[in-house]
Each structure stands twice: as C-alpha cells, then as structure tokens.
Amino acid sequence: ARKMSNATFAPSLQYLVALRTRLLDDALSEWLRASASGGRARQVVQLAVGCDTRVLRLLAEGGDGEMPRVLEVDSPRVAAWRRHFLSRFESPGISAVARSCEQVAFDLREPEQLLDMLIHEHGFDPDLPTAWMCEGLLEYHPWSFSERLFRALGAVASHSGPGAMSRGAPESTPKVDGVVLEIPSHVLFVAALDNYWHTFLREEHSQMPVRMAWQKRLPSADMLVDSLRAGGFPSVAVLSELPPITGRRRQPAQPQAPVRMGRPSILHLLSAR
C-alpha cells in the first residue's frame, strides 16, 4: 500500500494497462474458441495473477465447450487474498466461475519447480491443451529469470507434444472434412514492456516509471523471441504497439504522413507455440 500511495501513474501507463488487458483478453478468447472443438478438457494458467479479473470477464460469459480449468499462480499472500476476494461474489454465474478457479501459492522466482508442483499438488495435466498467461511479470525480474521461465514452460510444451490436442477418443478429435486439426496443445501469451518505455515516460511526461521494483533495462521484442525459441517454443508471433502521442511533447497532426513514424514500440504481445 505504501508503494502504491507513492507511485506515479502517467496517463500512458493507464493506456498501456488497458491495451495490454484487451490484447490478452482477445488472444485468450480466440484460443478458447479454437480449442473448444471435440469437447476436450482445457487448462488456463495465469502467472503472477495479482488483482487480475480476466477469469470473471471471459469465462463467466460461457461459450462453446466446457469451461476450462483455471489455475492462478501467485505468492501465498496474494493467493489467500484472491480466495477471499472471489468467495464474495453472489451472482450464480460469477460465483460458479470463482469457485472453479484454483489459487496456487508458489514462488515464481523458482520456475524450474513449477511444473512438478502443479502436477503433484494441483492435478495439472501436461497433456491437455493449456494456455499460459504471462502479464506484468517480466518487468520485475532480471533477464535471466525470463530465460529460466521460458525454458521451464517450454519443457512442459515439449512434453505434451504437437499432437496432444488430437489424442483421445476418435469421436472427440477435432476435424475439418475428415482431416485432423493440429492445434498446438500449449500456447504461451507474453505481454511485456519494451526498454523504450523508460525513455517514453521521461520524454513525454517528465516522469520516471512507477516507483516500485521494475528493472532498469527491459528486453526488446527480438530478445524475447530468441529466448522463447531457445526455451522450446519454435513458433512465435509478435504484435507490437506504438506509444500514444500524448503529453507535453504532442506534435501537430500531419494528415499526409504517418503520425507515429519512427516511434519505437513500447508494448509487445508474443504468442509462443
């Protein structure tokens, strides 16, 4: 609470959080639709979930297929708080979703232990289609942590195998015109700020980043892609967002030229499979 009371939130940070949320919501919604064929059980694992309410926004809406099992990972204190928070909802639809979420108390600074803990203590099945959500996590840890995390999650994806989605009863295997669909069993969605974010805050708002525990240097999209591939995710798609033109250095509009030309991106959404 003391950290938050002293934090400086630039308007662009509010914009980025809203944009990051929408990009990840859309990506997860698309994956949920694509993986619903055949009625297979599915899993969603949110890393460093914090105060996120994605499970209530998306999963309470229902849709095709059974609701996936949701595992929300964070420190013991956060996990305990979320259990209390989610237990307070009285709406039947939302309360059912809240009860289906399992809060996982785990120190993510040791990502190599994550899989074993999920399997043995929470019944995680690495052979089921799984979406891993990594949002607002990498900025708080050194680069070596990102590499270790990607290797740990890549090992899970490699264990599941590219055809894991298609295993099981023939009648439940997703097909189109008799052809088995090869939908990757595991996908990792990573939302990360680029190193230019620090410069952008300073130039646009004369501010330093939120005074919490962010790293002074943040990885570029190329670094993230290379690390994901080295960690076991051969296919990585990147969606990058340019900064909004706001603040004291706003430039006059130039209808004949792209307004954001030459401005580095500050937010990346990576989909690794």
C-alpha atoms as a PDB file:
ATOM      1  CA  ALA A   1       0.000   0.000   0.000  1.00  0.00           C
ATOM      2  CA  ARG A   2       2.855   2.391   0.797  1.00  0.00           C
ATOM      3  CA  LYS A   3       4.428   1.729  -2.587  1.00  0.00           C
ATOM      4  CA  MET A   4       1.183   2.366  -4.418  1.00  0.00           C
ATOM      5  CA  SER A   5       0.472   5.568  -2.482  1.00  0.00           C
ATOM      6  CA  ASN A   6       3.821   6.974  -3.608  1.00  0.00           C
ATOM      7  CA  ALA A   7       3.612   5.683  -7.181  1.00  0.00           C
ATOM      8  CA  THR A   8       3.432   7.998 -10.164  1.00  0.00           C
ATOM      9  CA  PHE A   9       0.960   6.805 -12.787  1.00  0.00           C
ATOM     10  CA  ALA A  10       1.379   8.565 -16.116  1.00  0.00           C
ATOM     11  CA  PRO A  11      -1.698   8.635 -18.370  1.00  0.00           C
ATOM     12  CA  SER A  12       0.237   6.440 -20.785  1.00  0.00           C
ATOM     13  CA  LEU A  13       0.580   3.756 -18.111  1.00  0.00           C
ATOM     14  CA  GLN A  14      -3.190   3.661 -17.743  1.00  0.00           C
ATOM     15  CA  TYR A  15      -3.467   3.414 -21.522  1.00  0.00           C
ATOM     16  CA  LEU A  16      -0.946   0.576 -21.636  1.00  0.00           C
ATOM     17  CA  VAL A  17      -2.622  -1.438 -18.891  1.00  0.00           C
ATOM     18  CA  ALA A  18      -5.990  -1.136 -20.648  1.00  0.00           C
ATOM     19  CA  LEU A  19      -4.462  -2.007 -24.014  1.00  0.00           C
ATOM     20  CA  ARG A  20      -2.473  -4.919 -22.622  1.00  0.00           C
ATOM     21  CA  THR A  21      -5.603  -6.274 -20.981  1.00  0.00           C
ATOM     22  CA  ARG A  22      -7.599  -6.060 -24.213  1.00  0.00           C
ATOM     23  CA  LEU A  23      -4.877  -7.711 -26.300  1.00  0.00           C
ATOM     24  CA  LEU A  24      -4.549 -10.618 -23.883  1.00  0.00           C
ATOM     25  CA  ASP A  25      -8.317 -10.975 -23.478  1.00  0.00           C
ATOM     26  CA  ASP A  26      -8.712 -11.187 -27.256  1.00  0.00           C
ATOM     27  CA  ALA A  27      -5.854 -13.674 -27.598  1.00  0.00           C
ATOM     28  CA  LEU A  28      -7.235 -15.947 -24.878  1.00  0.00           C
ATOM     29  CA  SER A  29     -10.781 -15.698 -26.254  1.00  0.00           C
ATOM     30  CA  GLU A  30      -9.547 -16.783 -29.675  1.00  0.00           C
ATOM     31  CA  TRP A  31      -7.627 -19.695 -28.181  1.00  0.00           C
ATOM     32  CA  LEU A  32     -10.656 -20.778 -26.151  1.00  0.00           C
ATOM     33  CA  ARG A  33     -12.804 -20.814 -29.283  1.00  0.00           C
ATOM     34  CA  ALA A  34     -10.206 -22.703 -31.318  1.00  0.00           C
ATOM     35  CA  SER A  35      -9.595 -25.303 -28.611  1.00  0.00           C
ATOM     36  CA  ALA A  36     -13.273 -25.941 -27.831  1.00  0.00           C
ATOM     37  CA  SER A  37     -13.792 -28.426 -30.675  1.00  0.00           C
ATOM     38  CA  GLY A  38     -14.379 -32.012 -29.606  1.00  0.00           C
ATOM     39  CA  GLY A  39     -15.266 -31.136 -26.029  1.00  0.00           C
ATOM     40  CA  ARG A  40     -11.721 -31.694 -24.755  1.00  0.00           C
ATOM     41  CA  ALA A  41     -10.855 -30.539 -21.261  1.00  0.00           C
ATOM     42  CA  ARG A  42      -8.603 -27.474 -21.237  1.00  0.00           C
ATOM     43  CA  GLN A  43      -6.477 -25.556 -18.765  1.00  0.00           C
ATOM     44  CA  VAL A  44      -5.591 -21.887 -18.301  1.00  0.00           C
ATOM     45  CA  VAL A  45      -2.649 -20.990 -16.075  1.00  0.00           C
ATOM     46  CA  GLN A  46      -2.241 -17.348 -15.084  1.00  0.00           C
ATOM     47  CA  LEU A  47       1.229 -16.497 -13.800  1.00  0.00           C
ATOM     48  CA  ALA A  48       1.580 -13.750 -11.178  1.00  0.00           C
ATOM     49  CA  VAL A  49      -2.164 -13.163 -11.408  1.00  0.00           C
ATOM     50  CA  GLY A  50      -2.240 -10.391  -8.794  1.00  0.00           C
ATOM     51  CA  CYS A  51      -5.553  -8.487  -8.876  1.00  0.00           C
ATOM     52  CA  ASP A  52      -6.456  -9.588 -12.391  1.00  0.00           C
ATOM     53  CA  THR A  53     -10.137 -10.353 -13.083  1.00  0.00           C
ATOM     54  CA  ARG A  54      -9.791 -11.918 -16.519  1.00  0.00           C
ATOM     55  CA  VAL A  55     -11.418 -15.118 -15.343  1.00  0.00           C
ATOM     56  CA  LEU A  56     -14.583 -13.223 -14.440  1.00  0.00           C
ATOM     57  CA  ARG A  57     -14.663 -11.216 -17.665  1.00  0.00           C
ATOM     58  CA  LEU A  58     -14.114 -14.060 -20.091  1.00  0.00           C
ATOM     59  CA  LEU A  59     -15.036 -17.360 -18.541  1.00  0.00           C
ATOM     60  CA  ALA A  60     -18.291 -16.186 -16.958  1.00  0.00           C
ATOM     61  CA  GLU A  61     -19.561 -15.476 -20.461  1.00  0.00           C
ATOM     62  CA  GLY A  62     -19.688 -19.176 -21.229  1.00  0.00           C
ATOM     63  CA  GLY A  63     -19.455 -20.094 -24.894  1.00  0.00           C
ATOM     64  CA  ASP A  64     -18.689 -23.272 -26.782  1.00  0.00           C
ATOM     65  CA  GLY A  65     -17.232 -26.210 -24.919  1.00  0.00           C
ATOM     66  CA  GLU A  66     -16.817 -26.776 -21.229  1.00  0.00           C
ATOM     67  CA  MET A  67     -15.321 -24.068 -19.090  1.00  0.00           C
ATOM     68  CA  PRO A  68     -11.567 -24.669 -18.812  1.00  0.00           C
ATOM     69  CA  ARG A  69      -9.925 -25.336 -15.521  1.00  0.00           C
ATOM     70  CA  VAL A  70      -8.161 -22.191 -14.284  1.00  0.00           C
ATOM     71  CA  LEU A  71      -5.040 -22.205 -12.125  1.00  0.00           C
ATOM     72  CA  GLU A  72      -3.966 -18.787 -10.843  1.00  0.00           C
ATOM     73  CA  VAL A  73      -0.388 -18.644  -9.579  1.00  0.00           C
ATOM     74  CA  ASP A  74       0.988 -16.051  -7.186  1.00  0.00           C
ATOM     75  CA  SER A  75       2.649 -15.686  -3.801  1.00  0.00           C
ATOM     76  CA  PRO A  76       0.941 -17.242  -0.754  1.00  0.00           C
ATOM     77  CA  ARG A  77      -0.311 -13.837   0.463  1.00  0.00           C
ATOM     78  CA  VAL A  78      -1.861 -12.987  -2.906  1.00  0.00           C
ATOM     79  CA  ALA A  79      -3.369 -16.464  -3.265  1.00  0.00           C
ATOM     80  CA  ALA A  80      -5.016 -16.168   0.152  1.00  0.00           C
ATOM     81  CA  TRP A  81      -6.368 -12.711  -0.689  1.00  0.00           C
ATOM     82  CA  ARG A  82      -7.808 -13.941  -4.006  1.00  0.00           C
ATOM     83  CA  ARG A  83      -9.598 -16.832  -2.304  1.00  0.00           C
ATOM     84  CA  HIS A  84     -11.294 -14.330  -0.029  1.00  0.00           C
ATOM     85  CA  PHE A  85     -11.996 -11.873  -2.855  1.00  0.00           C
ATOM     86  CA  LEU A  86     -13.529 -14.438  -5.229  1.00  0.00           C
ATOM     87  CA  SER A  87     -15.627 -16.012  -2.476  1.00  0.00           C
ATOM     88  CA  ARG A  88     -17.617 -12.783  -2.025  1.00  0.00           C
ATOM     89  CA  PHE A  89     -19.454 -12.878  -5.360  1.00  0.00           C
ATOM     90  CA  GLU A  90     -23.124 -13.794  -5.051  1.00  0.00           C
ATOM     91  CA  SER A  91     -24.175 -13.839  -8.713  1.00  0.00           C
ATOM     92  CA  PRO A  92     -24.732 -17.530  -9.615  1.00  0.00           C
ATOM     93  CA  GLY A  93     -22.790 -17.355 -12.883  1.00  0.00           C
ATOM     94  CA  ILE A  94     -19.830 -15.453 -11.483  1.00  0.00           C
ATOM     95  CA  SER A  95     -19.701 -17.372  -8.222  1.00  0.00           C
ATOM     96  CA  ALA A  96     -19.541 -20.663 -10.150  1.00  0.00           C
ATOM     97  CA  VAL A  97     -16.565 -19.352 -12.125  1.00  0.00           C
ATOM     98  CA  ALA A  98     -14.912 -18.036  -8.978  1.00  0.00           C
ATOM     99  CA  ARG A  99     -15.285 -21.398  -7.234  1.00  0.00           C
ATOM    100  CA  SER A 100     -13.775 -23.190 -10.229  1.00  0.00           C
ATOM    101  CA  CYS A 101     -10.578 -21.117 -10.046  1.00  0.00           C
ATOM    102  CA  GLU A 102      -7.812 -22.718  -8.054  1.00  0.00           C
ATOM    103  CA  GLN A 103      -5.400 -20.385  -6.302  1.00  0.00           C
ATOM    104  CA  VAL A 104      -1.850 -21.712  -6.416  1.00  0.00           C
ATOM    105  CA  ALA A 105       0.590 -20.383  -3.817  1.00  0.00           C
ATOM    106  CA  PHE A 106       4.020 -20.555  -5.423  1.00  0.00           C
ATOM    107  CA  ASP A 107       7.219 -18.505  -5.596  1.00  0.00           C
ATOM    108  CA  LEU A 108       7.733 -17.897  -9.309  1.00  0.00           C
ATOM    109  CA  ARG A 109      11.352 -16.982  -8.675  1.00  0.00           C
ATOM    110  CA  GLU A 110      11.911 -20.755  -8.872  1.00  0.00           C
ATOM    111  CA  PRO A 111      10.194 -21.520 -12.214  1.00  0.00           C
ATOM    112  CA  GLU A 112      12.002 -24.862 -12.564  1.00  0.00           C
ATOM    113  CA  GLN A 113       9.817 -26.241  -9.755  1.00  0.00           C
ATOM    114  CA  LEU A 114       6.530 -25.001 -11.192  1.00  0.00           C
ATOM    115  CA  LEU A 115       5.562 -27.992 -13.320  1.00  0.00           C
ATOM    116  CA  ASP A 116       6.212 -30.626 -10.647  1.00  0.00           C
ATOM    117  CA  MET A 117       4.269 -28.587  -8.105  1.00  0.00           C
ATOM    118  CA  LEU A 118       1.305 -28.125 -10.456  1.00  0.00           C
ATOM    119  CA  ILE A 119       1.216 -31.831 -11.348  1.00  0.00           C
ATOM    120  CA  HIS A 120       1.636 -33.304  -7.876  1.00  0.00           C
ATOM    121  CA  GLU A 121      -0.242 -30.759  -5.774  1.00  0.00           C
ATOM    122  CA  HIS A 122      -2.903 -29.404  -8.128  1.00  0.00           C
ATOM    123  CA  GLY A 123      -3.596 -32.175 -10.631  1.00  0.00           C
ATOM    124  CA  PHE A 124      -2.266 -30.275 -13.648  1.00  0.00           C
ATOM    125  CA  ASP A 125      -2.267 -32.461 -16.780  1.00  0.00           C
ATOM    126  CA  PRO A 126       0.520 -31.511 -19.237  1.00  0.00           C
ATOM    127  CA  ASP A 127      -1.196 -33.499 -21.992  1.00  0.00           C
ATOM    128  CA  LEU A 128      -4.259 -31.246 -22.009  1.00  0.00           C
ATOM    129  CA  PRO A 129      -4.482 -28.090 -24.146  1.00  0.00           C
ATOM    130  CA  THR A 130      -3.168 -25.283 -21.974  1.00  0.00           C
ATOM    131  CA  ALA A 131      -2.917 -21.509 -22.297  1.00  0.00           C
ATOM    132  CA  TRP A 132      -0.225 -19.899 -20.161  1.00  0.00           C
ATOM    133  CA  MET A 133      -0.722 -16.186 -19.421  1.00  0.00           C
ATOM    134  CA  CYS A 134       2.311 -14.060 -18.549  1.00  0.00           C
ATOM    135  CA  GLU A 135       1.326 -10.438 -17.933  1.00  0.00           C
ATOM    136  CA  GLY A 136       3.121  -7.756 -15.940  1.00  0.00           C
ATOM    137  CA  LEU A 137       5.687 -10.255 -14.645  1.00  0.00           C
ATOM    138  CA  LEU A 138       8.945  -9.963 -16.586  1.00  0.00           C
ATOM    139  CA  GLU A 139       9.418  -6.268 -15.807  1.00  0.00           C
ATOM    140  CA  TYR A 140      10.046  -7.079 -12.135  1.00  0.00           C
ATOM    141  CA  HIS A 141      12.803  -9.654 -12.672  1.00  0.00           C
ATOM    142  CA  PRO A 142      16.276  -9.764 -14.223  1.00  0.00           C
ATOM    143  CA  TRP A 143      16.649 -11.092 -17.762  1.00  0.00           C
ATOM    144  CA  SER A 144      17.953 -14.425 -16.501  1.00  0.00           C
ATOM    145  CA  PHE A 145      14.548 -15.037 -14.898  1.00  0.00           C
ATOM    146  CA  SER A 146      12.764 -14.693 -18.259  1.00  0.00           C
ATOM    147  CA  GLU A 147      15.134 -17.224 -19.817  1.00  0.00           C
ATOM    148  CA  ARG A 148      14.585 -19.682 -16.958  1.00  0.00           C
ATOM    149  CA  LEU A 149      10.804 -19.227 -17.075  1.00  0.00           C
ATOM    150  CA  PHE A 150      10.650 -19.795 -20.840  1.00  0.00           C
ATOM    151  CA  ARG A 151      12.782 -22.936 -20.547  1.00  0.00           C
ATOM    152  CA  ALA A 152      10.554 -24.297 -17.784  1.00  0.00           C
ATOM    153  CA  LEU A 153       7.345 -23.667 -19.744  1.00  0.00           C
ATOM    154  CA  GLY A 154       8.944 -24.859 -22.984  1.00  0.00           C
ATOM    155  CA  ALA A 155       9.723 -28.167 -21.298  1.00  0.00           C
ATOM    156  CA  VAL A 156       6.017 -28.553 -20.497  1.00  0.00           C
ATOM    157  CA  ALA A 157       5.050 -27.834 -24.100  1.00  0.00           C
ATOM    158  CA  SER A 158       7.659 -30.292 -25.387  1.00  0.00           C
ATOM    159  CA  HIS A 159       6.366 -32.952 -23.008  1.00  0.00           C
ATOM    160  CA  SER A 160       2.831 -32.538 -24.306  1.00  0.00           C
ATOM    161  CA  GLY A 161       3.884 -32.976 -27.932  1.00  0.00           C
ATOM    162  CA  PRO A 162       2.427 -31.245 -31.009  1.00  0.00           C
ATOM    163  CA  GLY A 163      -0.349 -33.804 -31.364  1.00  0.00           C
ATOM    164  CA  ALA A 164      -1.522 -33.794 -27.770  1.00  0.00           C
ATOM    165  CA  MET A 165      -4.645 -31.910 -28.750  1.00  0.00           C
ATOM    166  CA  SER A 166      -5.590 -34.696 -31.128  1.00  0.00           C
ATOM    167  CA  ARG A 167      -5.090 -37.591 -28.734  1.00  0.00           C
ATOM    168  CA  GLY A 168      -8.027 -39.252 -27.096  1.00  0.00           C
ATOM    169  CA  ALA A 169     -11.277 -40.736 -28.368  1.00  0.00           C
ATOM    170  CA  PRO A 170     -11.628 -40.521 -32.198  1.00  0.00           C
ATOM    171  CA  GLU A 171     -15.111 -39.055 -31.909  1.00  0.00           C
ATOM    172  CA  SER A 172     -13.779 -36.139 -29.838  1.00  0.00           C
ATOM    173  CA  THR A 173     -10.837 -35.354 -32.140  1.00  0.00           C
ATOM    174  CA  PRO A 174     -11.363 -32.001 -33.914  1.00  0.00           C
ATOM    175  CA  LYS A 175     -11.555 -32.446 -37.687  1.00  0.00           C
ATOM    176  CA  VAL A 176     -12.461 -30.488 -40.794  1.00  0.00           C
ATOM    177  CA  ASP A 177     -13.577 -32.520 -43.815  1.00  0.00           C
ATOM    178  CA  GLY A 178     -12.130 -35.605 -42.165  1.00  0.00           C
ATOM    179  CA  VAL A 179      -8.708 -34.019 -41.635  1.00  0.00           C
ATOM    180  CA  VAL A 180      -7.402 -33.942 -38.053  1.00  0.00           C
ATOM    181  CA  LEU A 181      -6.729 -30.421 -36.851  1.00  0.00           C
ATOM    182  CA  GLU A 182      -3.215 -29.939 -35.488  1.00  0.00           C
ATOM    183  CA  ILE A 183      -3.875 -27.263 -32.887  1.00  0.00           C
ATOM    184  CA  PRO A 184      -0.826 -26.749 -30.634  1.00  0.00           C
ATOM    185  CA  SER A 185      -1.521 -28.203 -27.226  1.00  0.00           C
ATOM    186  CA  HIS A 186       0.258 -25.433 -25.332  1.00  0.00           C
ATOM    187  CA  VAL A 187       0.413 -21.730 -26.065  1.00  0.00           C
ATOM    188  CA  LEU A 188       2.183 -19.049 -24.036  1.00  0.00           C
ATOM    189  CA  PHE A 189       0.930 -15.464 -24.213  1.00  0.00           C
ATOM    190  CA  VAL A 190       3.516 -12.944 -23.014  1.00  0.00           C
ATOM    191  CA  ALA A 191       2.772  -9.235 -22.612  1.00  0.00           C
ATOM    192  CA  ALA A 192       5.924  -7.216 -21.986  1.00  0.00           C
ATOM    193  CA  LEU A 193       7.058  -3.602 -21.993  1.00  0.00           C
ATOM    194  CA  ASP A 194       9.957  -2.646 -24.232  1.00  0.00           C
ATOM    195  CA  ASN A 195      13.013  -0.855 -22.854  1.00  0.00           C
ATOM    196  CA  TYR A 196      11.882   2.286 -24.709  1.00  0.00           C
ATOM    197  CA  TRP A 197       9.110   2.576 -22.112  1.00  0.00           C
ATOM    198  CA  HIS A 198      11.511   4.233 -19.666  1.00  0.00           C
ATOM    199  CA  THR A 199      12.561   6.809 -22.264  1.00  0.00           C
ATOM    200  CA  PHE A 200       8.982   7.429 -23.316  1.00  0.00           C
ATOM    201  CA  LEU A 201       7.828   8.229 -19.779  1.00  0.00           C
ATOM    202  CA  ARG A 202      10.741  10.574 -19.247  1.00  0.00           C
ATOM    203  CA  GLU A 203      10.342  12.396 -22.582  1.00  0.00           C
ATOM    204  CA  GLU A 204       6.542  12.549 -22.723  1.00  0.00           C
ATOM    205  CA  HIS A 205       5.711  13.115 -19.073  1.00  0.00           C
ATOM    206  CA  SER A 206       8.940  14.160 -17.341  1.00  0.00           C
ATOM    207  CA  GLN A 207       8.350  11.169 -15.087  1.00  0.00           C
ATOM    208  CA  MET A 208      10.157   8.083 -14.020  1.00  0.00           C
ATOM    209  CA  PRO A 209       8.350   4.722 -14.237  1.00  0.00           C
ATOM    210  CA  VAL A 210       6.171   3.614 -11.363  1.00  0.00           C
ATOM    211  CA  ARG A 211       8.396   3.713  -8.312  1.00  0.00           C
ATOM    212  CA  MET A 212       8.151   0.073  -7.458  1.00  0.00           C
ATOM    213  CA  ALA A 213      10.549  -2.668  -8.500  1.00  0.00           C
ATOM    214  CA  TRP A 214      10.794  -2.502 -12.281  1.00  0.00           C
ATOM    215  CA  GLN A 215      14.082  -3.408 -13.895  1.00  0.00           C
ATOM    216  CA  LYS A 216      16.122  -0.501 -15.245  1.00  0.00           C
ATOM    217  CA  ARG A 217      16.589  -2.303 -18.567  1.00  0.00           C
ATOM    218  CA  LEU A 218      13.788  -4.230 -20.255  1.00  0.00           C
ATOM    219  CA  PRO A 219      14.172  -6.750 -23.096  1.00  0.00           C
ATOM    220  CA  SER A 220      13.398  -5.945 -26.710  1.00  0.00           C
ATOM    221  CA  ALA A 221      10.943  -7.975 -28.773  1.00  0.00           C
ATOM    222  CA  ASP A 222      13.860  -9.633 -30.598  1.00  0.00           C
ATOM    223  CA  MET A 223      15.384 -10.732 -27.304  1.00  0.00           C
ATOM    224  CA  LEU A 224      12.079 -12.189 -26.160  1.00  0.00           C
ATOM    225  CA  VAL A 225      11.547 -14.038 -29.441  1.00  0.00           C
ATOM    226  CA  ASP A 226      15.058 -15.525 -29.379  1.00  0.00           C
ATOM    227  CA  SER A 227      14.676 -16.586 -25.759  1.00  0.00           C
ATOM    228  CA  LEU A 228      11.268 -18.179 -26.377  1.00  0.00           C
ATOM    229  CA  ARG A 229      12.627 -20.160 -29.312  1.00  0.00           C
ATOM    230  CA  ALA A 230      15.661 -21.251 -27.322  1.00  0.00           C
ATOM    231  CA  GLY A 231      13.319 -22.256 -24.496  1.00  0.00           C
ATOM    232  CA  GLY A 232      11.339 -24.664 -26.661  1.00  0.00           C
ATOM    233  CA  PHE A 233       8.728 -22.566 -28.485  1.00  0.00           C
ATOM    234  CA  PRO A 234       9.661 -22.752 -32.200  1.00  0.00           C
ATOM    235  CA  SER A 235       6.772 -20.572 -33.410  1.00  0.00           C
ATOM    236  CA  VAL A 236       6.499 -17.045 -32.008  1.00  0.00           C
ATOM    237  CA  ALA A 237       4.180 -14.319 -33.293  1.00  0.00           C
ATOM    238  CA  VAL A 238       4.655 -10.702 -32.173  1.00  0.00           C
ATOM    239  CA  LEU A 239       2.139  -7.864 -32.017  1.00  0.00           C
ATOM    240  CA  SER A 240       3.758  -4.552 -31.045  1.00  0.00           C
ATOM    241  CA  GLU A 241       2.064  -1.329 -30.036  1.00  0.00           C
ATOM    242  CA  LEU A 242       3.433   2.145 -30.662  1.00  0.00           C
ATOM    243  CA  PRO A 243       3.129   4.714 -27.882  1.00  0.00           C
ATOM    244  CA  PRO A 244       0.224   7.141 -27.980  1.00  0.00           C
ATOM    245  CA  ILE A 245       1.022  10.736 -28.871  1.00  0.00           C
ATOM    246  CA  THR A 246       0.077  12.431 -25.635  1.00  0.00           C
ATOM    247  CA  GLY A 247       1.660  14.632 -23.008  1.00  0.00           C
ATOM    248  CA  ARG A 248       3.681  17.771 -23.231  1.00  0.00           C
ATOM    249  CA  ARG A 249       5.528  16.834 -26.422  1.00  0.00           C
ATOM    250  CA  ARG A 250       2.461  16.402 -28.595  1.00  0.00           C
ATOM    251  CA  GLN A 251       3.272  17.124 -32.250  1.00  0.00           C
ATOM    252  CA  PRO A 252       0.921  18.803 -34.751  1.00  0.00           C
ATOM    253  CA  ALA A 253      -1.084  16.374 -36.841  1.00  0.00           C
ATOM    254  CA  GLN A 254       0.297  15.665 -40.330  1.00  0.00           C
ATOM    255  CA  PRO A 255      -2.508  14.088 -42.380  1.00  0.00           C
ATOM    256  CA  GLN A 256      -0.219  13.287 -45.298  1.00  0.00           C
ATOM    257  CA  ALA A 257       2.273  11.273 -43.259  1.00  0.00           C
ATOM    258  CA  PRO A 258       2.012   8.503 -40.640  1.00  0.00           C
ATOM    259  CA  VAL A 259       1.900  10.322 -37.312  1.00  0.00           C
ATOM    260  CA  ARG A 260       3.764   7.582 -35.448  1.00  0.00           C
ATOM    261  CA  MET A 261       6.525   7.057 -37.996  1.00  0.00           C
ATOM    262  CA  GLY A 262       9.862   6.334 -36.367  1.00  0.00           C
ATOM    263  CA  ARG A 263       8.468   5.925 -32.857  1.00  0.00           C
ATOM    264  CA  PRO A 264       9.641   2.723 -31.157  1.00  0.00           C
ATOM    265  CA  SER A 265       7.080   0.311 -29.768  1.00  0.00           C
ATOM    266  CA  ILE A 266       6.628   0.103 -26.031  1.00  0.00           C
ATOM    267  CA  LEU A 267       4.335  -2.916 -25.640  1.00  0.00           C
ATOM    268  CA  HIS A 268       4.725  -6.379 -27.139  1.00  0.00           C
ATOM    269  CA  LEU A 269       2.282  -9.293 -27.125  1.00  0.00           C
ATOM    270  CA  LEU A 270       4.006 -12.544 -28.005  1.00  0.00           C
ATOM    271  CA  SER A 271       2.155 -15.773 -28.794  1.00  0.00           C
ATOM    272  CA  ALA A 272       4.549 -18.711 -28.481  1.00  0.00           C
ATOM    273  CA  ARG A 273       3.691 -22.245 -29.514  1.00  0.00           C
END
